[in-house]
Amino acid sequence: MRMYFFSLMLFNDAMKTIDEIRRDNLAAIVAERGGVTALAELLQKSVSQVSQWLNGSANSGTGKARGMRPSSCREIELACKKPLGWMDATHSMGARELVMHELSSEPPRKGDEIGIPQYDTGGSMGSGVLLRDQPGEINGWRVTPEWLQKNVRSHSGVNNLAIVTGFGDSMRGMFNPGDPLLVDRGINSFDGDAVYFFRVGDEGFIKRLQKIPGEGIIASSENKAYRDWTIKPDMDFQVLARVIKVWQSVDF
């Protein structure tokens, strides 16, 4: 059954139009670069422009999906250090990786375990995102499919889940330093009022972000000893993940 599915995927790749191939390759680059926002910044394009390329948004006049211009493809190849014409070619390894992803996305069988890794900030070697006042780290979890189904009902995909160890005391009341936070790495741009894991420069933060008309995005702490502050357009700001579940420890 799996060999048949793999062969069918390769056949479907061969039948794709040039626009479909370009969108598939763009999706691979988006994943490689860490999300739509990161790629948009690299290309100096708007997030909406890259999203329209990726989603094949319909042309209002014809109702057909918009294609990517060859000039746009060459620009992406140059910025992402891909060979000339890479965007226009079907990559067999990409097809195989897609098949393996689909197979790994099948509902886990009873008795299987799901690994949820620690979010890699790249800071262990003195670079990457700095998390101040973090009292040690949780290196990851292993959970059953039943636990995930019953306790984490909304996420963008199992492979996007990660653990961040709580740091600082600005969010006391929601969680304490050292507590586990489950985050969704598939959400890497502001998509509505929620609690996010993000960075400004090389420093990491966990705050409630809220968009206020005329003011921009406001970062709020649960601990009211901390003042709210505004994320300004000139800040080096990047959403790393959305916080979807937290646990607050209690000493007995």
C-alpha atoms as a PDB file:
ATOM      1  CA  MET A   1       0.000   0.000   0.000  1.00  0.00           C
ATOM      2  CA  ARG A   2       2.781   2.453   0.889  1.00  0.00           C
ATOM      3  CA  MET A   3       4.755   1.587  -2.282  1.00  0.00           C
ATOM      4  CA  TYR A   4       1.619   2.231  -4.338  1.00  0.00           C
ATOM      5  CA  PHE A   5       1.107   5.570  -2.552  1.00  0.00           C
ATOM      6  CA  PHE A   6       4.727   6.566  -3.224  1.00  0.00           C
ATOM      7  CA  SER A   7       4.415   5.680  -6.937  1.00  0.00           C
ATOM      8  CA  LEU A   8       1.179   7.621  -7.160  1.00  0.00           C
ATOM      9  CA  MET A   9       2.849  10.689  -5.639  1.00  0.00           C
ATOM     10  CA  LEU A  10       5.650  10.535  -8.214  1.00  0.00           C
ATOM     11  CA  PHE A  11       3.072  10.222 -11.013  1.00  0.00           C
ATOM     12  CA  ASN A  12       1.170  13.220  -9.669  1.00  0.00           C
ATOM     13  CA  ASP A  13       4.415  15.250  -9.577  1.00  0.00           C
ATOM     14  CA  ALA A  14       4.957  14.492 -13.259  1.00  0.00           C
ATOM     15  CA  MET A  15       1.440  15.740 -14.091  1.00  0.00           C
ATOM     16  CA  LYS A  16       1.805  19.069 -12.267  1.00  0.00           C
ATOM     17  CA  THR A  17       1.697  22.399 -14.083  1.00  0.00           C
ATOM     18  CA  ILE A  18       4.626  24.812 -13.910  1.00  0.00           C
ATOM     19  CA  ASP A  19       2.672  26.994 -11.442  1.00  0.00           C
ATOM     20  CA  GLU A  20       2.052  24.013  -9.147  1.00  0.00           C
ATOM     21  CA  ILE A  21       5.726  23.039  -9.291  1.00  0.00           C
ATOM     22  CA  ARG A  22       6.781  26.578  -8.429  1.00  0.00           C
ATOM     23  CA  ARG A  23       4.379  26.686  -5.467  1.00  0.00           C
ATOM     24  CA  ASP A  24       5.695  23.334  -4.200  1.00  0.00           C
ATOM     25  CA  ASN A  25       9.268  24.602  -4.431  1.00  0.00           C
ATOM     26  CA  LEU A  26       8.323  27.865  -2.755  1.00  0.00           C
ATOM     27  CA  ALA A  27       6.768  25.875   0.111  1.00  0.00           C
ATOM     28  CA  ALA A  28      10.063  24.000   0.505  1.00  0.00           C
ATOM     29  CA  ILE A  29      11.970  27.289   0.674  1.00  0.00           C
ATOM     30  CA  VAL A  30       9.492  28.735   3.188  1.00  0.00           C
ATOM     31  CA  ALA A  31      10.098  25.705   5.441  1.00  0.00           C
ATOM     32  CA  GLU A  32      13.864  25.967   4.907  1.00  0.00           C
ATOM     33  CA  ARG A  33      13.910  29.675   5.797  1.00  0.00           C
ATOM     34  CA  GLY A  34      11.725  29.348   8.892  1.00  0.00           C
ATOM     35  CA  GLY A  35       8.411  30.684   7.658  1.00  0.00           C
ATOM     36  CA  VAL A  36       6.688  33.155   5.353  1.00  0.00           C
ATOM     37  CA  THR A  37       7.718  36.194   7.400  1.00  0.00           C
ATOM     38  CA  ALA A  38      11.413  35.285   7.349  1.00  0.00           C
ATOM     39  CA  LEU A  39      11.375  34.694   3.585  1.00  0.00           C
ATOM     40  CA  ALA A  40       9.485  37.932   2.971  1.00  0.00           C
ATOM     41  CA  GLU A  41      12.135  39.834   4.929  1.00  0.00           C
ATOM     42  CA  LEU A  42      14.922  38.169   2.926  1.00  0.00           C
ATOM     43  CA  LEU A  43      13.244  39.033  -0.380  1.00  0.00           C
ATOM     44  CA  GLN A  44      12.204  42.497   0.851  1.00  0.00           C
ATOM     45  CA  LYS A  45       8.610  41.683  -0.079  1.00  0.00           C
ATOM     46  CA  SER A  46       5.417  41.970   1.909  1.00  0.00           C
ATOM     47  CA  VAL A  47       4.188  38.932   3.826  1.00  0.00           C
ATOM     48  CA  SER A  48       0.927  39.112   1.861  1.00  0.00           C
ATOM     49  CA  GLN A  49       2.827  38.942  -1.449  1.00  0.00           C
ATOM     50  CA  VAL A  50       4.715  35.789  -0.454  1.00  0.00           C
ATOM     51  CA  SER A  51       1.500  34.282   0.970  1.00  0.00           C
ATOM     52  CA  GLN A  52      -0.315  34.923  -2.319  1.00  0.00           C
ATOM     53  CA  TRP A  53       2.472  33.171  -4.230  1.00  0.00           C
ATOM     54  CA  LEU A  54       2.359  30.254  -1.805  1.00  0.00           C
ATOM     55  CA  ASN A  55      -1.429  29.881  -1.756  1.00  0.00           C
ATOM     56  CA  GLY A  56      -2.009  30.577  -5.444  1.00  0.00           C
ATOM     57  CA  SER A  57      -4.624  33.195  -4.586  1.00  0.00           C
ATOM     58  CA  ALA A  58      -7.283  33.545  -7.277  1.00  0.00           C
ATOM     59  CA  ASN A  59      -7.125  36.425  -9.751  1.00  0.00           C
ATOM     60  CA  SER A  60     -10.209  38.588  -9.189  1.00  0.00           C
ATOM     61  CA  GLY A  61     -10.705  38.935 -12.944  1.00  0.00           C
ATOM     62  CA  THR A  62     -10.288  35.346 -14.140  1.00  0.00           C
ATOM     63  CA  GLY A  63     -10.949  33.392 -10.958  1.00  0.00           C
ATOM     64  CA  LYS A  64      -7.854  31.270 -11.679  1.00  0.00           C
ATOM     65  CA  ALA A  65      -4.917  30.836  -9.309  1.00  0.00           C
ATOM     66  CA  ARG A  66      -2.207  33.432  -9.799  1.00  0.00           C
ATOM     67  CA  GLY A  67       1.070  32.092 -11.122  1.00  0.00           C
ATOM     68  CA  MET A  68       4.571  33.247 -10.233  1.00  0.00           C
ATOM     69  CA  ARG A  69       6.417  35.251 -12.842  1.00  0.00           C
ATOM     70  CA  PRO A  70       9.731  33.848 -14.091  1.00  0.00           C
ATOM     71  CA  SER A  71      11.435  37.050 -12.913  1.00  0.00           C
ATOM     72  CA  SER A  72      10.116  36.447  -9.381  1.00  0.00           C
ATOM     73  CA  CYS A  73      11.398  32.864  -9.475  1.00  0.00           C
ATOM     74  CA  ARG A  74      14.864  34.013 -10.541  1.00  0.00           C
ATOM     75  CA  GLU A  75      14.857  36.576  -7.715  1.00  0.00           C
ATOM     76  CA  ILE A  76      13.996  33.877  -5.160  1.00  0.00           C
ATOM     77  CA  GLU A  77      16.680  31.537  -6.528  1.00  0.00           C
ATOM     78  CA  LEU A  78      19.306  34.255  -6.285  1.00  0.00           C
ATOM     79  CA  ALA A  79      18.332  35.303  -2.733  1.00  0.00           C
ATOM     80  CA  CYS A  80      18.157  31.700  -1.500  1.00  0.00           C
ATOM     81  CA  LYS A  81      21.304  30.544  -3.314  1.00  0.00           C
ATOM     82  CA  LYS A  82      19.531  28.033  -5.526  1.00  0.00           C
ATOM     83  CA  PRO A  83      20.729  27.096  -9.040  1.00  0.00           C
ATOM     84  CA  LEU A  84      19.209  28.961 -11.991  1.00  0.00           C
ATOM     85  CA  GLY A  85      15.927  27.271 -12.898  1.00  0.00           C
ATOM     86  CA  TRP A  86      15.579  25.464  -9.546  1.00  0.00           C
ATOM     87  CA  MET A  87      12.087  26.890  -8.993  1.00  0.00           C
ATOM     88  CA  ASP A  88      10.871  25.439 -12.308  1.00  0.00           C
ATOM     89  CA  ALA A  89      12.068  21.871 -11.763  1.00  0.00           C
ATOM     90  CA  THR A  90      10.460  18.939  -9.961  1.00  0.00           C
ATOM     91  CA  HIS A  91      12.865  17.674  -7.300  1.00  0.00           C
ATOM     92  CA  SER A  92      12.459  13.942  -6.721  1.00  0.00           C
ATOM     93  CA  MET A  93      13.943  14.156  -3.226  1.00  0.00           C
ATOM     94  CA  GLY A  94      11.316  16.747  -2.369  1.00  0.00           C
ATOM     95  CA  ALA A  95       8.592  14.369  -3.537  1.00  0.00           C
ATOM     96  CA  ARG A  96      10.054  11.575  -1.405  1.00  0.00           C
ATOM     97  CA  GLU A  97      10.257  13.833   1.644  1.00  0.00           C
ATOM     98  CA  LEU A  98       6.627  14.813   1.111  1.00  0.00           C
ATOM     99  CA  VAL A  99       5.619  11.153   0.980  1.00  0.00           C
ATOM    100  CA  MET A 100       7.516  10.398   4.190  1.00  0.00           C
ATOM    101  CA  HIS A 101       5.900  13.402   5.851  1.00  0.00           C
ATOM    102  CA  GLU A 102       2.453  12.162   4.844  1.00  0.00           C
ATOM    103  CA  LEU A 103       3.241   8.690   6.181  1.00  0.00           C
ATOM    104  CA  SER A 104       4.578  10.093   9.443  1.00  0.00           C
ATOM    105  CA  SER A 105       1.400  12.169   9.779  1.00  0.00           C
ATOM    106  CA  GLU A 106      -0.799   9.076   9.969  1.00  0.00           C
ATOM    107  CA  PRO A 107      -2.611   8.755  13.335  1.00  0.00           C
ATOM    108  CA  PRO A 108      -0.193   6.991  15.714  1.00  0.00           C
ATOM    109  CA  ARG A 109      -1.117   3.474  16.725  1.00  0.00           C
ATOM    110  CA  LYS A 110      -1.954   2.628  20.318  1.00  0.00           C
ATOM    111  CA  GLY A 111       1.218   2.219  22.320  1.00  0.00           C
ATOM    112  CA  ASP A 112       3.243   4.599  20.146  1.00  0.00           C
ATOM    113  CA  GLU A 113       4.956   7.584  21.724  1.00  0.00           C
ATOM    114  CA  ILE A 114       5.262  11.085  20.354  1.00  0.00           C
ATOM    115  CA  GLY A 115       8.445  13.048  20.978  1.00  0.00           C
ATOM    116  CA  ILE A 116       8.065  16.775  21.629  1.00  0.00           C
ATOM    117  CA  PRO A 117      11.536  18.353  21.495  1.00  0.00           C
ATOM    118  CA  GLN A 118      12.911  21.336  23.325  1.00  0.00           C
ATOM    119  CA  TYR A 119      12.690  24.494  21.230  1.00  0.00           C
ATOM    120  CA  ASP A 120      16.200  25.063  19.896  1.00  0.00           C
ATOM    121  CA  THR A 121      17.048  28.734  20.402  1.00  0.00           C
ATOM    122  CA  GLY A 122      20.649  28.244  19.262  1.00  0.00           C
ATOM    123  CA  GLY A 123      21.830  29.856  22.487  1.00  0.00           C
ATOM    124  CA  SER A 124      23.801  27.007  24.060  1.00  0.00           C
ATOM    125  CA  MET A 125      26.996  27.995  22.236  1.00  0.00           C
ATOM    126  CA  GLY A 126      26.765  31.680  23.064  1.00  0.00           C
ATOM    127  CA  SER A 127      24.746  32.733  20.000  1.00  0.00           C
ATOM    128  CA  GLY A 128      21.084  32.729  19.012  1.00  0.00           C
ATOM    129  CA  VAL A 129      18.212  33.854  21.228  1.00  0.00           C
ATOM    130  CA  LEU A 130      19.002  34.726  24.849  1.00  0.00           C
ATOM    131  CA  LEU A 131      16.448  33.646  27.482  1.00  0.00           C
ATOM    132  CA  ARG A 132      17.202  35.563  30.671  1.00  0.00           C
ATOM    133  CA  ASP A 133      16.748  34.055  34.134  1.00  0.00           C
ATOM    134  CA  GLN A 134      15.941  30.568  32.908  1.00  0.00           C
ATOM    135  CA  PRO A 135      16.418  28.102  35.815  1.00  0.00           C
ATOM    136  CA  GLY A 136      17.599  25.096  33.836  1.00  0.00           C
ATOM    137  CA  GLU A 137      15.930  23.532  30.823  1.00  0.00           C
ATOM    138  CA  ILE A 138      13.386  20.846  30.008  1.00  0.00           C
ATOM    139  CA  ASN A 139      15.005  18.829  27.223  1.00  0.00           C
ATOM    140  CA  GLY A 140      11.792  17.528  25.724  1.00  0.00           C
ATOM    141  CA  TRP A 141       8.810  15.290  26.389  1.00  0.00           C
ATOM    142  CA  ARG A 142       7.506  11.917  25.300  1.00  0.00           C
ATOM    143  CA  VAL A 143       3.733  11.604  25.360  1.00  0.00           C
ATOM    144  CA  THR A 144       1.116   9.134  24.183  1.00  0.00           C
ATOM    145  CA  PRO A 145      -1.218   9.935  21.287  1.00  0.00           C
ATOM    146  CA  GLU A 146      -4.111   9.762  23.744  1.00  0.00           C
ATOM    147  CA  TRP A 147      -2.535  12.461  25.946  1.00  0.00           C
ATOM    148  CA  LEU A 148      -1.996  14.704  22.945  1.00  0.00           C
ATOM    149  CA  GLN A 149      -5.508  14.205  21.628  1.00  0.00           C
ATOM    150  CA  LYS A 150      -7.154  14.915  24.982  1.00  0.00           C
ATOM    151  CA  ASN A 151      -4.909  17.750  26.184  1.00  0.00           C
ATOM    152  CA  VAL A 152      -3.789  19.625  23.067  1.00  0.00           C
ATOM    153  CA  ARG A 153      -6.751  20.051  20.789  1.00  0.00           C
ATOM    154  CA  SER A 154      -5.483  22.810  18.500  1.00  0.00           C
ATOM    155  CA  HIS A 155      -2.102  22.980  16.748  1.00  0.00           C
ATOM    156  CA  SER A 156      -0.699  23.278  13.220  1.00  0.00           C
ATOM    157  CA  GLY A 157       0.882  19.808  13.257  1.00  0.00           C
ATOM    158  CA  VAL A 158       2.530  17.393  15.655  1.00  0.00           C
ATOM    159  CA  ASN A 159       5.943  18.062  14.124  1.00  0.00           C
ATOM    160  CA  ASN A 160       5.580  21.777  14.928  1.00  0.00           C
ATOM    161  CA  LEU A 161       5.173  21.258  18.674  1.00  0.00           C
ATOM    162  CA  ALA A 162       8.054  22.081  21.019  1.00  0.00           C
ATOM    163  CA  ILE A 163       8.743  22.746  24.696  1.00  0.00           C
ATOM    164  CA  VAL A 164      10.067  26.033  26.047  1.00  0.00           C
ATOM    165  CA  THR A 165      11.122  26.212  29.710  1.00  0.00           C
ATOM    166  CA  GLY A 166       9.581  29.232  31.419  1.00  0.00           C
ATOM    167  CA  PHE A 167      12.007  32.064  32.197  1.00  0.00           C
ATOM    168  CA  GLY A 168      11.903  35.343  34.101  1.00  0.00           C
ATOM    169  CA  ASP A 169       9.047  36.366  36.394  1.00  0.00           C
ATOM    170  CA  SER A 170       7.129  38.738  34.111  1.00  0.00           C
ATOM    171  CA  MET A 171       4.467  36.095  33.394  1.00  0.00           C
ATOM    172  CA  ARG A 172       3.943  34.924  36.988  1.00  0.00           C
ATOM    173  CA  GLY A 173       0.264  34.233  37.414  1.00  0.00           C
ATOM    174  CA  MET A 174       0.229  32.305  34.151  1.00  0.00           C
ATOM    175  CA  PHE A 175       3.379  30.228  34.692  1.00  0.00           C
ATOM    176  CA  ASN A 176       6.509  30.286  36.853  1.00  0.00           C
ATOM    177  CA  PRO A 177      10.187  30.192  35.860  1.00  0.00           C
ATOM    178  CA  GLY A 178      11.068  26.570  35.118  1.00  0.00           C
ATOM    179  CA  ASP A 179       7.516  25.567  34.144  1.00  0.00           C
ATOM    180  CA  PRO A 180       6.890  23.827  30.797  1.00  0.00           C
ATOM    181  CA  LEU A 181       5.295  25.743  27.944  1.00  0.00           C
ATOM    182  CA  LEU A 182       4.008  23.978  24.854  1.00  0.00           C
ATOM    183  CA  VAL A 183       4.492  26.097  21.729  1.00  0.00           C
ATOM    184  CA  ASP A 184       3.487  25.801  18.075  1.00  0.00           C
ATOM    185  CA  ARG A 185       6.428  26.558  15.766  1.00  0.00           C
ATOM    186  CA  GLY A 186       4.119  26.508  12.756  1.00  0.00           C
ATOM    187  CA  ILE A 187       2.806  29.911  13.792  1.00  0.00           C
ATOM    188  CA  ASN A 188       5.674  32.339  13.187  1.00  0.00           C
ATOM    189  CA  SER A 189       3.862  35.592  12.560  1.00  0.00           C
ATOM    190  CA  PHE A 190       1.348  37.637  14.554  1.00  0.00           C
ATOM    191  CA  ASP A 191      -2.083  36.220  13.680  1.00  0.00           C
ATOM    192  CA  GLY A 192      -4.277  37.753  16.366  1.00  0.00           C
ATOM    193  CA  ASP A 193      -4.233  38.500  20.069  1.00  0.00           C
ATOM    194  CA  ALA A 194      -2.568  35.610  21.945  1.00  0.00           C
ATOM    195  CA  VAL A 195       0.521  34.652  23.962  1.00  0.00           C
ATOM    196  CA  TYR A 196       3.633  34.369  21.789  1.00  0.00           C
ATOM    197  CA  PHE A 197       7.269  33.344  22.086  1.00  0.00           C
ATOM    198  CA  PHE A 198       9.222  35.973  20.173  1.00  0.00           C
ATOM    199  CA  ARG A 199      12.501  37.824  20.007  1.00  0.00           C
ATOM    200  CA  VAL A 200      13.544  41.447  19.787  1.00  0.00           C
ATOM    201  CA  GLY A 201      17.163  41.553  18.678  1.00  0.00           C
ATOM    202  CA  ASP A 202      18.864  38.591  20.330  1.00  0.00           C
ATOM    203  CA  GLU A 203      16.642  38.529  23.437  1.00  0.00           C
ATOM    204  CA  GLY A 204      13.685  36.174  23.780  1.00  0.00           C
ATOM    205  CA  PHE A 205      10.348  37.096  25.331  1.00  0.00           C
ATOM    206  CA  ILE A 206       7.056  35.453  26.178  1.00  0.00           C
ATOM    207  CA  LYS A 207       4.253  38.001  26.300  1.00  0.00           C
ATOM    208  CA  ARG A 208       0.637  38.488  25.441  1.00  0.00           C
ATOM    209  CA  LEU A 209       0.570  40.420  22.156  1.00  0.00           C
ATOM    210  CA  GLN A 210      -2.392  42.575  21.296  1.00  0.00           C
ATOM    211  CA  LYS A 211      -2.906  44.788  18.261  1.00  0.00           C
ATOM    212  CA  ILE A 212      -4.380  48.166  19.166  1.00  0.00           C
ATOM    213  CA  PRO A 213      -5.488  50.461  16.299  1.00  0.00           C
ATOM    214  CA  GLY A 214      -3.337  53.564  16.100  1.00  0.00           C
ATOM    215  CA  GLU A 215      -0.751  52.154  18.485  1.00  0.00           C
ATOM    216  CA  GLY A 216       0.492  48.910  16.921  1.00  0.00           C
ATOM    217  CA  ILE A 217       1.299  45.660  18.720  1.00  0.00           C
ATOM    218  CA  ILE A 218       1.397  45.926  22.515  1.00  0.00           C
ATOM    219  CA  ALA A 219       3.384  43.419  24.617  1.00  0.00           C
ATOM    220  CA  SER A 220       1.774  42.760  28.009  1.00  0.00           C
ATOM    221  CA  SER A 221       2.991  40.823  31.042  1.00  0.00           C
ATOM    222  CA  GLU A 222       0.820  38.792  33.388  1.00  0.00           C
ATOM    223  CA  ASN A 223       2.810  40.167  36.337  1.00  0.00           C
ATOM    224  CA  LYS A 224       1.503  43.710  36.686  1.00  0.00           C
ATOM    225  CA  ALA A 225       4.768  44.868  38.211  1.00  0.00           C
ATOM    226  CA  TYR A 226       5.906  45.025  34.574  1.00  0.00           C
ATOM    227  CA  ARG A 227       4.719  47.784  32.261  1.00  0.00           C
ATOM    228  CA  ASP A 228       3.248  47.179  28.820  1.00  0.00           C
ATOM    229  CA  TRP A 229       5.414  48.217  25.884  1.00  0.00           C
ATOM    230  CA  THR A 230       4.998  48.706  22.154  1.00  0.00           C
ATOM    231  CA  ILE A 231       6.748  46.731  19.434  1.00  0.00           C
ATOM    232  CA  LYS A 232       7.898  49.494  17.108  1.00  0.00           C
ATOM    233  CA  PRO A 233       8.373  49.122  13.321  1.00  0.00           C
ATOM    234  CA  ASP A 234      12.128  49.728  13.574  1.00  0.00           C
ATOM    235  CA  MET A 235      12.653  46.885  16.070  1.00  0.00           C
ATOM    236  CA  ASP A 236      14.248  43.608  14.949  1.00  0.00           C
ATOM    237  CA  PHE A 237      11.120  41.649  15.885  1.00  0.00           C
ATOM    238  CA  GLN A 238      10.341  38.027  14.997  1.00  0.00           C
ATOM    239  CA  VAL A 239       7.610  35.686  16.200  1.00  0.00           C
ATOM    240  CA  LEU A 240       9.190  32.295  16.944  1.00  0.00           C
ATOM    241  CA  ALA A 241       6.070  30.397  17.987  1.00  0.00           C
ATOM    242  CA  ARG A 242       2.670  30.737  19.569  1.00  0.00           C
ATOM    243  CA  VAL A 243       2.213  29.493  23.124  1.00  0.00           C
ATOM    244  CA  ILE A 244      -0.721  27.082  23.110  1.00  0.00           C
ATOM    245  CA  LYS A 245      -0.561  25.546  26.604  1.00  0.00           C
ATOM    246  CA  VAL A 246       1.219  26.267  29.879  1.00  0.00           C
ATOM    247  CA  TRP A 247       1.491  24.527  33.233  1.00  0.00           C
ATOM    248  CA  GLN A 248       1.851  26.472  36.494  1.00  0.00           C
ATOM    249  CA  SER A 249       3.746  24.674  39.226  1.00  0.00           C
ATOM    250  CA  VAL A 250       2.758  24.802  42.901  1.00  0.00           C
ATOM    251  CA  ASP A 251       5.062  23.884  45.794  1.00  0.00           C
ATOM    252  CA  PHE A 252       3.644  21.700  48.609  1.00  0.00           C
END
